[in-house]
Amino acid sequence: MFALLCCLLPAFAETNDIGGEDVYNNNGDMMKMVILDVADAAVVTQAEFAVYNYGSNSAIQFALYLADEADPTQYSLVDAREADVNVQDNSQGWADSGDVAWVLEPGRSYAVGVYIPSDWYYFYTEQGSDNPWFGEVAGTLRVEDEVPQRFTAEPEGYYYRMRITSEDADLDDDGVVAEQWGGADCDDTDASVGEAAEEVPYDGIDQDCNGADLDDVDGDGAVGEAAGGGDCNDDNAAIGPEVAEICGNGVDEDCVDGDGNCADDIGGKDGIAAPGSCSCSSSSAQPLGFLGLLMVGGLWRRRRT
């Protein structure tokens, strides 16, 4: 089991070394690994490993592993890539991962591994460096010509010459990784903005990073008046500029000139009259209409007979 150190990955851009170039050695294909115990979200942008070339044409590879949450002694492969190595025969130099963007989530444990073929040699020192900033050397894993998908390794008593460059992936410390590193924080300079933030309507700010400010609170498809739209009650989906007006009920459903007046026309405003909302009466000045004429005619005929 790994005895992880208390050292935590710093939340700022930094390049740090571990080990020295005192001795070099190799004894067959192997992975050399360093554990990164992460406190704050960070992103590894480059990794380098000191090597000596004895006329090798074999590829060195860098790999990132993530510890299982259920069993932190077990690490699974996240990403692997061939190193860029420009080292002449019988010379020493650096194997370089090139530009990477390995996002490290807070509270998790990772390992950076380097696959060293048997015709490359690596540098190490038994003294190492005091409190390596990114964690403890995890140790050596014997492999056969490829990067393993999973590993378990015991810590070693010596250190390698490794450099890891990182940047802060959560500048505002709101617990959400910035969008530029594949996270959901669309403004990593403001802790009130992020995937888990509560959206504030009509302020022109996309607090929850869903792509837009909230301007339609009731979800009826109409923008609220506070945001320049036509919805006069953005808390009620039954009210809005596309809703049919019901006259005489005291509610302005269509957000036009208040509640409709049923006497405006035969059908009421927008052709919809509220049942029982109108009280209509006839006066002597109004025409009798066809039915009234029939009734009068019937009475006149009775009197003649």
C-alpha atoms as a PDB file:
ATOM      1  CA  MET A   1       0.000   0.000   0.000  1.00  0.00           C
ATOM      2  CA  PHE A   2       1.221   3.455  -0.764  1.00  0.00           C
ATOM      3  CA  ALA A   3       2.173   5.591   2.207  1.00  0.00           C
ATOM      4  CA  LEU A   4       1.197   8.895   0.621  1.00  0.00           C
ATOM      5  CA  LEU A   5       2.858  12.027   1.873  1.00  0.00           C
ATOM      6  CA  CYS A   6       0.986  15.040   3.191  1.00  0.00           C
ATOM      7  CA  CYS A   7       2.405  17.119   0.347  1.00  0.00           C
ATOM      8  CA  LEU A   8      -0.330  18.511  -1.886  1.00  0.00           C
ATOM      9  CA  LEU A   9      -0.309  19.782  -5.424  1.00  0.00           C
ATOM     10  CA  PRO A  10      -0.112  23.594  -5.293  1.00  0.00           C
ATOM     11  CA  ALA A  11      -2.920  25.659  -6.805  1.00  0.00           C
ATOM     12  CA  PHE A  12      -0.682  27.874  -8.928  1.00  0.00           C
ATOM     13  CA  ALA A  13       1.535  27.592 -11.963  1.00  0.00           C
ATOM     14  CA  GLU A  14       4.848  26.074 -10.977  1.00  0.00           C
ATOM     15  CA  THR A  15       7.584  23.752 -12.173  1.00  0.00           C
ATOM     16  CA  ASN A  16       9.150  21.515  -9.548  1.00  0.00           C
ATOM     17  CA  ASP A  17      11.906  18.921  -9.611  1.00  0.00           C
ATOM     18  CA  ILE A  18      12.490  15.778  -7.646  1.00  0.00           C
ATOM     19  CA  GLY A  19      15.696  13.747  -7.425  1.00  0.00           C
ATOM     20  CA  GLY A  20      19.106  14.415  -8.910  1.00  0.00           C
ATOM     21  CA  GLU A  21      21.482  13.189 -11.600  1.00  0.00           C
ATOM     22  CA  ASP A  22      23.827  11.270  -9.310  1.00  0.00           C
ATOM     23  CA  VAL A  23      23.506   7.775 -10.796  1.00  0.00           C
ATOM     24  CA  TYR A  24      21.918   6.185 -13.827  1.00  0.00           C
ATOM     25  CA  ASN A  25      20.820   2.622 -14.265  1.00  0.00           C
ATOM     26  CA  ASN A  26      18.263   0.325 -15.862  1.00  0.00           C
ATOM     27  CA  ASN A  27      17.447  -3.329 -15.633  1.00  0.00           C
ATOM     28  CA  GLY A  28      14.863  -4.087 -18.294  1.00  0.00           C
ATOM     29  CA  ASP A  29      11.638  -2.436 -19.417  1.00  0.00           C
ATOM     30  CA  MET A  30       9.931  -0.680 -16.531  1.00  0.00           C
ATOM     31  CA  MET A  31       7.594   2.065 -15.403  1.00  0.00           C
ATOM     32  CA  LYS A  32       8.845   4.667 -12.929  1.00  0.00           C
ATOM     33  CA  MET A  33       6.028   6.461 -11.133  1.00  0.00           C
ATOM     34  CA  VAL A  34       5.363   9.402  -8.829  1.00  0.00           C
ATOM     35  CA  ILE A  35       2.133   9.864  -6.846  1.00  0.00           C
ATOM     36  CA  LEU A  36       0.318  13.213  -6.960  1.00  0.00           C
ATOM     37  CA  ASP A  37      -1.977  13.736  -3.975  1.00  0.00           C
ATOM     38  CA  VAL A  38      -4.238  16.608  -5.002  1.00  0.00           C
ATOM     39  CA  ALA A  39      -5.721  19.265  -2.706  1.00  0.00           C
ATOM     40  CA  ASP A  40      -6.962  21.838  -5.254  1.00  0.00           C
ATOM     41  CA  ALA A  41      -7.948  21.330  -8.868  1.00  0.00           C
ATOM     42  CA  ALA A  42      -4.885  21.629 -11.079  1.00  0.00           C
ATOM     43  CA  VAL A  43      -3.774  20.766 -14.585  1.00  0.00           C
ATOM     44  CA  VAL A  44      -0.445  19.217 -15.518  1.00  0.00           C
ATOM     45  CA  THR A  45       0.778  20.927 -18.685  1.00  0.00           C
ATOM     46  CA  GLN A  46       4.150  19.160 -19.081  1.00  0.00           C
ATOM     47  CA  ALA A  47       6.187  16.339 -17.618  1.00  0.00           C
ATOM     48  CA  GLU A  48       9.905  15.650 -18.143  1.00  0.00           C
ATOM     49  CA  PHE A  49      12.145  12.761 -17.146  1.00  0.00           C
ATOM     50  CA  ALA A  50      15.980  12.670 -17.248  1.00  0.00           C
ATOM     51  CA  VAL A  51      17.422   9.843 -19.366  1.00  0.00           C
ATOM     52  CA  TYR A  52      20.687   8.593 -20.862  1.00  0.00           C
ATOM     53  CA  ASN A  53      20.753   7.232 -24.433  1.00  0.00           C
ATOM     54  CA  TYR A  54      22.812   4.108 -25.118  1.00  0.00           C
ATOM     55  CA  GLY A  55      21.959   4.090 -28.809  1.00  0.00           C
ATOM     56  CA  SER A  56      18.264   3.419 -28.344  1.00  0.00           C
ATOM     57  CA  ASN A  57      15.526   3.723 -30.939  1.00  0.00           C
ATOM     58  CA  SER A  58      12.807   2.576 -28.522  1.00  0.00           C
ATOM     59  CA  ALA A  59       9.975   4.903 -27.555  1.00  0.00           C
ATOM     60  CA  ILE A  60       9.648   6.369 -24.061  1.00  0.00           C
ATOM     61  CA  GLN A  61       6.055   6.998 -22.984  1.00  0.00           C
ATOM     62  CA  PHE A  62       4.419   9.170 -20.345  1.00  0.00           C
ATOM     63  CA  ALA A  63       1.204   8.058 -18.669  1.00  0.00           C
ATOM     64  CA  LEU A  64      -1.328   9.446 -16.199  1.00  0.00           C
ATOM     65  CA  TYR A  65      -3.100   7.142 -13.756  1.00  0.00           C
ATOM     66  CA  LEU A  66      -6.012   7.739 -11.361  1.00  0.00           C
ATOM     67  CA  ALA A  67      -6.422   5.898  -8.058  1.00  0.00           C
ATOM     68  CA  ASP A  68      -9.633   3.963  -7.509  1.00  0.00           C
ATOM     69  CA  GLU A  69     -11.875   5.570  -4.903  1.00  0.00           C
ATOM     70  CA  ALA A  70     -12.814   2.198  -3.415  1.00  0.00           C
ATOM     71  CA  ASP A  71      -9.190   0.981  -3.283  1.00  0.00           C
ATOM     72  CA  PRO A  72      -6.645   3.827  -3.417  1.00  0.00           C
ATOM     73  CA  THR A  73      -3.766   1.367  -3.870  1.00  0.00           C
ATOM     74  CA  GLN A  74      -5.053   0.512  -7.346  1.00  0.00           C
ATOM     75  CA  TYR A  75      -4.390   2.923 -10.225  1.00  0.00           C
ATOM     76  CA  SER A  76      -6.047   2.891 -13.664  1.00  0.00           C
ATOM     77  CA  LEU A  77      -4.691   4.421 -16.881  1.00  0.00           C
ATOM     78  CA  VAL A  78      -6.196   7.776 -17.903  1.00  0.00           C
ATOM     79  CA  ASP A  79      -3.910   8.815 -20.772  1.00  0.00           C
ATOM     80  CA  ALA A  80      -0.627   7.756 -22.361  1.00  0.00           C
ATOM     81  CA  ARG A  81       1.512   9.383 -25.049  1.00  0.00           C
ATOM     82  CA  GLU A  82       4.890   8.934 -26.652  1.00  0.00           C
ATOM     83  CA  ALA A  83       7.598  11.224 -25.352  1.00  0.00           C
ATOM     84  CA  ASP A  84       9.532  13.698 -27.444  1.00  0.00           C
ATOM     85  CA  VAL A  85      13.184  12.719 -26.933  1.00  0.00           C
ATOM     86  CA  ASN A  86      16.007  14.519 -28.722  1.00  0.00           C
ATOM     87  CA  VAL A  87      19.068  12.950 -27.084  1.00  0.00           C
ATOM     88  CA  GLN A  88      22.146  11.875 -29.021  1.00  0.00           C
ATOM     89  CA  ASP A  89      23.735   8.435 -28.529  1.00  0.00           C
ATOM     90  CA  ASN A  90      25.810   8.140 -25.367  1.00  0.00           C
ATOM     91  CA  SER A  91      24.403  11.434 -24.101  1.00  0.00           C
ATOM     92  CA  GLN A  92      22.017  12.526 -21.391  1.00  0.00           C
ATOM     93  CA  GLY A  93      18.967  14.732 -21.738  1.00  0.00           C
ATOM     94  CA  TRP A  94      15.239  14.937 -21.137  1.00  0.00           C
ATOM     95  CA  ALA A  95      12.272  12.913 -22.304  1.00  0.00           C
ATOM     96  CA  ASP A  96       9.442  15.434 -22.716  1.00  0.00           C
ATOM     97  CA  SER A  97       5.709  14.704 -22.661  1.00  0.00           C
ATOM     98  CA  GLY A  98       5.050  17.742 -24.837  1.00  0.00           C
ATOM     99  CA  ASP A  99       1.984  19.856 -24.151  1.00  0.00           C
ATOM    100  CA  VAL A 100      -0.597  17.945 -22.122  1.00  0.00           C
ATOM    101  CA  ALA A 101      -3.716  19.022 -20.262  1.00  0.00           C
ATOM    102  CA  TRP A 102      -4.096  16.463 -17.516  1.00  0.00           C
ATOM    103  CA  VAL A 103      -6.781  17.812 -15.181  1.00  0.00           C
ATOM    104  CA  LEU A 104      -6.400  16.659 -11.577  1.00  0.00           C
ATOM    105  CA  GLU A 105      -9.538  16.824  -9.457  1.00  0.00           C
ATOM    106  CA  PRO A 106      -9.287  17.845  -5.795  1.00  0.00           C
ATOM    107  CA  GLY A 107      -9.327  15.081  -3.240  1.00  0.00           C
ATOM    108  CA  ARG A 108      -8.093  12.432  -5.688  1.00  0.00           C
ATOM    109  CA  SER A 109      -4.773  10.655  -6.041  1.00  0.00           C
ATOM    110  CA  TYR A 110      -2.965  10.367  -9.377  1.00  0.00           C
ATOM    111  CA  ALA A 111       0.310   8.909 -10.619  1.00  0.00           C
ATOM    112  CA  VAL A 112       2.562  10.169 -13.392  1.00  0.00           C
ATOM    113  CA  GLY A 113       4.404   7.248 -14.911  1.00  0.00           C
ATOM    114  CA  VAL A 114       7.268   7.026 -17.402  1.00  0.00           C
ATOM    115  CA  TYR A 115       7.841   3.895 -19.436  1.00  0.00           C
ATOM    116  CA  ILE A 116      11.614   3.352 -19.842  1.00  0.00           C
ATOM    117  CA  PRO A 117      12.659   0.713 -22.420  1.00  0.00           C
ATOM    118  CA  SER A 118      15.665  -1.418 -21.536  1.00  0.00           C
ATOM    119  CA  ASP A 119      18.066   0.430 -23.865  1.00  0.00           C
ATOM    120  CA  TRP A 120      17.425   3.764 -22.110  1.00  0.00           C
ATOM    121  CA  TYR A 121      18.872   4.580 -18.705  1.00  0.00           C
ATOM    122  CA  TYR A 122      17.468   6.925 -16.062  1.00  0.00           C
ATOM    123  CA  PHE A 123      18.958   9.062 -13.295  1.00  0.00           C
ATOM    124  CA  TYR A 124      18.225   8.604  -9.629  1.00  0.00           C
ATOM    125  CA  THR A 125      19.506   9.524  -6.186  1.00  0.00           C
ATOM    126  CA  GLU A 126      19.004   7.906  -2.816  1.00  0.00           C
ATOM    127  CA  GLN A 127      18.819  11.282  -1.059  1.00  0.00           C
ATOM    128  CA  GLY A 128      16.035  12.677  -3.187  1.00  0.00           C
ATOM    129  CA  SER A 129      14.592  16.100  -2.369  1.00  0.00           C
ATOM    130  CA  ASP A 130      12.985  17.233   0.870  1.00  0.00           C
ATOM    131  CA  ASN A 131       9.192  16.957   0.801  1.00  0.00           C
ATOM    132  CA  PRO A 132       8.687  16.629  -2.950  1.00  0.00           C
ATOM    133  CA  TRP A 133       5.847  19.039  -3.667  1.00  0.00           C
ATOM    134  CA  PHE A 134       3.735  16.662  -5.685  1.00  0.00           C
ATOM    135  CA  GLY A 135       3.858  13.603  -3.473  1.00  0.00           C
ATOM    136  CA  GLU A 136       5.844  10.426  -2.965  1.00  0.00           C
ATOM    137  CA  VAL A 137       7.761   8.290  -5.432  1.00  0.00           C
ATOM    138  CA  ALA A 138       5.513   5.305  -5.983  1.00  0.00           C
ATOM    139  CA  GLY A 139       8.194   2.966  -7.243  1.00  0.00           C
ATOM    140  CA  THR A 140       9.054   0.679 -10.115  1.00  0.00           C
ATOM    141  CA  LEU A 141       6.756  -1.604 -12.065  1.00  0.00           C
ATOM    142  CA  ARG A 142       8.239  -4.207 -14.399  1.00  0.00           C
ATOM    143  CA  VAL A 143       6.425  -4.230 -17.719  1.00  0.00           C
ATOM    144  CA  GLU A 144       6.752  -5.940 -21.081  1.00  0.00           C
ATOM    145  CA  ASP A 145       6.931  -3.510 -23.979  1.00  0.00           C
ATOM    146  CA  GLU A 146       3.788  -1.559 -23.161  1.00  0.00           C
ATOM    147  CA  VAL A 147       2.153   0.807 -20.706  1.00  0.00           C
ATOM    148  CA  PRO A 148      -0.030  -1.158 -18.247  1.00  0.00           C
ATOM    149  CA  GLN A 149      -3.726  -0.416 -17.896  1.00  0.00           C
ATOM    150  CA  ARG A 150      -3.564  -0.823 -14.099  1.00  0.00           C
ATOM    151  CA  PHE A 151      -0.824  -1.086 -11.531  1.00  0.00           C
ATOM    152  CA  THR A 152       0.025  -1.524  -7.885  1.00  0.00           C
ATOM    153  CA  ALA A 153       3.561  -0.610  -6.804  1.00  0.00           C
ATOM    154  CA  GLU A 154       5.431  -0.256  -3.543  1.00  0.00           C
ATOM    155  CA  PRO A 155       7.308   2.966  -2.683  1.00  0.00           C
ATOM    156  CA  GLU A 156      11.036   3.032  -3.319  1.00  0.00           C
ATOM    157  CA  GLY A 157      13.852   4.436  -1.233  1.00  0.00           C
ATOM    158  CA  TYR A 158      15.284   6.610  -4.006  1.00  0.00           C
ATOM    159  CA  TYR A 159      14.065   9.348  -6.319  1.00  0.00           C
ATOM    160  CA  TYR A 160      14.109  10.071 -10.033  1.00  0.00           C
ATOM    161  CA  ARG A 161      14.967  13.175 -11.942  1.00  0.00           C
ATOM    162  CA  MET A 162      11.469  14.319 -12.903  1.00  0.00           C
ATOM    163  CA  ARG A 163       9.983  17.739 -13.588  1.00  0.00           C
ATOM    164  CA  ILE A 164       6.241  18.401 -13.606  1.00  0.00           C
ATOM    165  CA  THR A 165       4.696  21.721 -14.635  1.00  0.00           C
ATOM    166  CA  SER A 166       1.192  22.564 -13.421  1.00  0.00           C
ATOM    167  CA  GLU A 167      -1.337  25.364 -13.469  1.00  0.00           C
ATOM    168  CA  ASP A 168      -4.284  26.171 -11.250  1.00  0.00           C
ATOM    169  CA  ALA A 169      -7.433  24.758 -12.844  1.00  0.00           C
ATOM    170  CA  ASP A 170      -9.768  26.540 -10.393  1.00  0.00           C
ATOM    171  CA  LEU A 171      -8.556  30.111  -9.936  1.00  0.00           C
ATOM    172  CA  ASP A 172     -11.632  31.294  -8.016  1.00  0.00           C
ATOM    173  CA  ASP A 173     -11.628  28.246  -5.695  1.00  0.00           C
ATOM    174  CA  ASP A 174     -15.325  27.519  -6.193  1.00  0.00           C
ATOM    175  CA  GLY A 175     -14.692  23.820  -6.678  1.00  0.00           C
ATOM    176  CA  VAL A 176     -15.424  23.889 -10.423  1.00  0.00           C
ATOM    177  CA  VAL A 177     -12.704  23.417 -13.062  1.00  0.00           C
ATOM    178  CA  ALA A 178     -12.363  26.195 -15.636  1.00  0.00           C
ATOM    179  CA  GLU A 179     -13.826  25.705 -19.121  1.00  0.00           C
ATOM    180  CA  GLN A 180     -10.397  26.081 -20.734  1.00  0.00           C
ATOM    181  CA  TRP A 181      -9.397  22.824 -19.025  1.00  0.00           C
ATOM    182  CA  GLY A 182     -12.609  20.982 -19.899  1.00  0.00           C
ATOM    183  CA  GLY A 183     -14.561  21.985 -16.788  1.00  0.00           C
ATOM    184  CA  ALA A 184     -17.901  23.749 -16.383  1.00  0.00           C
ATOM    185  CA  ASP A 185     -16.783  27.104 -14.917  1.00  0.00           C
ATOM    186  CA  CYS A 186     -17.370  29.729 -17.624  1.00  0.00           C
ATOM    187  CA  ASP A 187     -15.789  32.495 -15.514  1.00  0.00           C
ATOM    188  CA  ASP A 188     -12.972  31.173 -13.368  1.00  0.00           C
ATOM    189  CA  THR A 189     -12.274  34.631 -11.923  1.00  0.00           C
ATOM    190  CA  ASP A 190     -15.640  34.848 -10.117  1.00  0.00           C
ATOM    191  CA  ALA A 191     -16.561  32.332  -7.412  1.00  0.00           C
ATOM    192  CA  SER A 192     -20.254  33.229  -7.794  1.00  0.00           C
ATOM    193  CA  VAL A 193     -20.194  31.837 -11.328  1.00  0.00           C
ATOM    194  CA  GLY A 194     -19.997  28.118 -11.981  1.00  0.00           C
ATOM    195  CA  GLU A 195     -21.983  24.998 -12.805  1.00  0.00           C
ATOM    196  CA  ALA A 196     -23.422  24.718  -9.284  1.00  0.00           C
ATOM    197  CA  ALA A 197     -24.147  28.446  -8.835  1.00  0.00           C
ATOM    198  CA  GLU A 198     -27.721  29.719  -8.466  1.00  0.00           C
ATOM    199  CA  GLU A 199     -28.856  31.691 -11.488  1.00  0.00           C
ATOM    200  CA  VAL A 200     -30.025  35.276 -10.908  1.00  0.00           C
ATOM    201  CA  PRO A 201     -32.654  36.338 -13.477  1.00  0.00           C
ATOM    202  CA  TYR A 202     -32.357  39.460 -15.623  1.00  0.00           C
ATOM    203  CA  ASP A 203     -28.873  40.585 -14.440  1.00  0.00           C
ATOM    204  CA  GLY A 204     -27.080  39.823 -17.700  1.00  0.00           C
ATOM    205  CA  ILE A 205     -24.784  37.265 -16.021  1.00  0.00           C
ATOM    206  CA  ASP A 206     -24.809  33.547 -16.734  1.00  0.00           C
ATOM    207  CA  GLN A 207     -24.189  32.355 -13.165  1.00  0.00           C
ATOM    208  CA  ASP A 208     -24.829  28.636 -13.785  1.00  0.00           C
ATOM    209  CA  CYS A 209     -22.841  28.566 -17.049  1.00  0.00           C
ATOM    210  CA  ASN A 210     -25.671  27.058 -19.087  1.00  0.00           C
ATOM    211  CA  GLY A 211     -25.011  29.445 -21.964  1.00  0.00           C
ATOM    212  CA  ALA A 212     -27.260  32.420 -21.175  1.00  0.00           C
ATOM    213  CA  ASP A 213     -28.704  34.599 -18.441  1.00  0.00           C
ATOM    214  CA  LEU A 214     -32.116  33.513 -17.139  1.00  0.00           C
ATOM    215  CA  ASP A 215     -34.737  35.801 -18.729  1.00  0.00           C
ATOM    216  CA  ASP A 216     -37.729  33.422 -18.884  1.00  0.00           C
ATOM    217  CA  VAL A 217     -38.343  32.302 -15.314  1.00  0.00           C
ATOM    218  CA  ASP A 218     -41.695  30.574 -15.888  1.00  0.00           C
ATOM    219  CA  GLY A 219     -40.460  28.773 -19.002  1.00  0.00           C
ATOM    220  CA  ASP A 220     -43.367  29.804 -21.216  1.00  0.00           C
ATOM    221  CA  GLY A 221     -41.100  30.911 -24.054  1.00  0.00           C
ATOM    222  CA  ALA A 222     -41.654  34.650 -23.429  1.00  0.00           C
ATOM    223  CA  VAL A 223     -38.921  36.908 -22.054  1.00  0.00           C
ATOM    224  CA  GLY A 224     -39.838  38.774 -18.880  1.00  0.00           C
ATOM    225  CA  GLU A 225     -40.461  42.513 -18.982  1.00  0.00           C
ATOM    226  CA  ALA A 226     -37.514  43.037 -16.616  1.00  0.00           C
ATOM    227  CA  ALA A 227     -35.262  41.688 -19.366  1.00  0.00           C
ATOM    228  CA  GLY A 228     -36.912  43.728 -22.119  1.00  0.00           C
ATOM    229  CA  GLY A 229     -39.491  41.126 -23.139  1.00  0.00           C
ATOM    230  CA  GLY A 230     -43.268  41.115 -23.224  1.00  0.00           C
ATOM    231  CA  ASP A 231     -44.108  38.764 -20.342  1.00  0.00           C
ATOM    232  CA  CYS A 232     -45.784  40.922 -17.680  1.00  0.00           C
ATOM    233  CA  ASN A 233     -45.790  38.070 -15.133  1.00  0.00           C
ATOM    234  CA  ASP A 234     -42.724  35.884 -15.583  1.00  0.00           C
ATOM    235  CA  ASP A 235     -43.643  33.739 -12.582  1.00  0.00           C
ATOM    236  CA  ASN A 236     -46.810  32.391 -14.202  1.00  0.00           C
ATOM    237  CA  ALA A 237     -46.697  30.380 -17.441  1.00  0.00           C
ATOM    238  CA  ALA A 238     -50.448  31.045 -17.943  1.00  0.00           C
ATOM    239  CA  ILE A 239     -49.667  34.724 -18.502  1.00  0.00           C
ATOM    240  CA  GLY A 240     -47.740  36.072 -21.466  1.00  0.00           C
ATOM    241  CA  PRO A 241     -48.015  37.785 -24.844  1.00  0.00           C
ATOM    242  CA  GLU A 242     -49.047  34.545 -26.616  1.00  0.00           C
ATOM    243  CA  VAL A 243     -51.779  33.623 -24.112  1.00  0.00           C
ATOM    244  CA  ALA A 244     -55.464  34.109 -25.026  1.00  0.00           C
ATOM    245  CA  GLU A 245     -57.192  36.723 -22.883  1.00  0.00           C
ATOM    246  CA  ILE A 246     -60.210  35.781 -20.735  1.00  0.00           C
ATOM    247  CA  CYS A 247     -62.344  38.836 -20.218  1.00  0.00           C
ATOM    248  CA  GLY A 248     -63.832  39.881 -16.946  1.00  0.00           C
ATOM    249  CA  ASN A 249     -61.753  37.696 -14.604  1.00  0.00           C
ATOM    250  CA  GLY A 250     -59.482  40.458 -13.323  1.00  0.00           C
ATOM    251  CA  VAL A 251     -56.346  38.947 -14.924  1.00  0.00           C
ATOM    252  CA  ASP A 252     -54.408  40.358 -17.863  1.00  0.00           C
ATOM    253  CA  GLU A 253     -53.504  37.056 -19.507  1.00  0.00           C
ATOM    254  CA  ASP A 254     -52.063  38.487 -22.750  1.00  0.00           C
ATOM    255  CA  CYS A 255     -50.204  41.401 -21.113  1.00  0.00           C
ATOM    256  CA  VAL A 256     -52.083  43.969 -23.243  1.00  0.00           C
ATOM    257  CA  ASP A 257     -54.011  46.868 -21.663  1.00  0.00           C
ATOM    258  CA  GLY A 258     -55.117  45.010 -18.529  1.00  0.00           C
ATOM    259  CA  ASP A 259     -58.022  42.587 -18.220  1.00  0.00           C
ATOM    260  CA  GLY A 260     -60.360  42.342 -21.225  1.00  0.00           C
ATOM    261  CA  ASN A 261     -63.818  44.029 -21.151  1.00  0.00           C
ATOM    262  CA  CYS A 262     -66.558  41.608 -22.154  1.00  0.00           C
ATOM    263  CA  ALA A 263     -68.681  44.440 -23.563  1.00  0.00           C
ATOM    264  CA  ASP A 264     -65.994  45.403 -26.100  1.00  0.00           C
ATOM    265  CA  ASP A 265     -67.489  43.061 -28.670  1.00  0.00           C
ATOM    266  CA  ILE A 266     -69.933  40.182 -28.945  1.00  0.00           C
ATOM    267  CA  GLY A 267     -67.346  37.532 -28.183  1.00  0.00           C
ATOM    268  CA  GLY A 268     -65.473  39.592 -25.635  1.00  0.00           C
ATOM    269  CA  LYS A 269     -61.840  40.591 -26.013  1.00  0.00           C
ATOM    270  CA  ASP A 270     -60.002  38.181 -28.325  1.00  0.00           C
ATOM    271  CA  GLY A 271     -63.321  36.425 -28.941  1.00  0.00           C
ATOM    272  CA  ILE A 272     -63.426  34.726 -25.536  1.00  0.00           C
ATOM    273  CA  ALA A 273     -66.072  35.704 -23.014  1.00  0.00           C
ATOM    274  CA  ALA A 274     -66.034  34.476 -19.464  1.00  0.00           C
ATOM    275  CA  PRO A 275     -69.234  32.585 -18.622  1.00  0.00           C
ATOM    276  CA  GLY A 276     -71.451  34.655 -16.327  1.00  0.00           C
ATOM    277  CA  SER A 277     -69.010  37.551 -16.427  1.00  0.00           C
ATOM    278  CA  CYS A 278     -71.422  39.866 -18.273  1.00  0.00           C
ATOM    279  CA  SER A 279     -74.888  41.079 -17.265  1.00  0.00           C
ATOM    280  CA  CYS A 280     -76.792  42.278 -20.324  1.00  0.00           C
ATOM    281  CA  SER A 281     -80.261  44.055 -20.305  1.00  0.00           C
ATOM    282  CA  SER A 282     -82.544  45.446 -23.058  1.00  0.00           C
ATOM    283  CA  SER A 283     -84.059  48.921 -23.013  1.00  0.00           C
ATOM    284  CA  SER A 284     -87.125  50.285 -24.802  1.00  0.00           C
ATOM    285  CA  ALA A 285     -84.865  52.178 -27.120  1.00  0.00           C
ATOM    286  CA  GLN A 286     -83.340  48.915 -28.434  1.00  0.00           C
ATOM    287  CA  PRO A 287     -84.962  47.208 -31.469  1.00  0.00           C
ATOM    288  CA  LEU A 288     -87.202  44.227 -30.725  1.00  0.00           C
ATOM    289  CA  GLY A 289     -85.423  41.934 -33.064  1.00  0.00           C
ATOM    290  CA  PHE A 290     -86.898  39.160 -35.225  1.00  0.00           C
ATOM    291  CA  LEU A 291     -88.178  37.058 -32.314  1.00  0.00           C
ATOM    292  CA  GLY A 292     -89.936  40.048 -30.780  1.00  0.00           C
ATOM    293  CA  LEU A 293     -91.653  40.887 -34.067  1.00  0.00           C
ATOM    294  CA  LEU A 294     -92.987  37.332 -34.332  1.00  0.00           C
ATOM    295  CA  MET A 295     -94.397  37.549 -30.817  1.00  0.00           C
ATOM    296  CA  VAL A 296     -96.126  40.882 -31.528  1.00  0.00           C
ATOM    297  CA  GLY A 297     -97.555  39.516 -34.776  1.00  0.00           C
ATOM    298  CA  GLY A 298     -99.017  36.512 -32.970  1.00  0.00           C
ATOM    299  CA  LEU A 299    -100.780  38.684 -30.420  1.00  0.00           C
ATOM    300  CA  TRP A 300    -102.284  40.911 -33.181  1.00  0.00           C
ATOM    301  CA  ARG A 301    -103.733  37.906 -35.037  1.00  0.00           C
ATOM    302  CA  ARG A 302    -105.356  36.583 -31.827  1.00  0.00           C
ATOM    303  CA  ARG A 303    -107.142  39.901 -31.236  1.00  0.00           C
ATOM    304  CA  ARG A 304    -108.537  39.895 -34.787  1.00  0.00           C
ATOM    305  CA  THR A 305    -109.988  36.431 -34.377  1.00  0.00           C
END
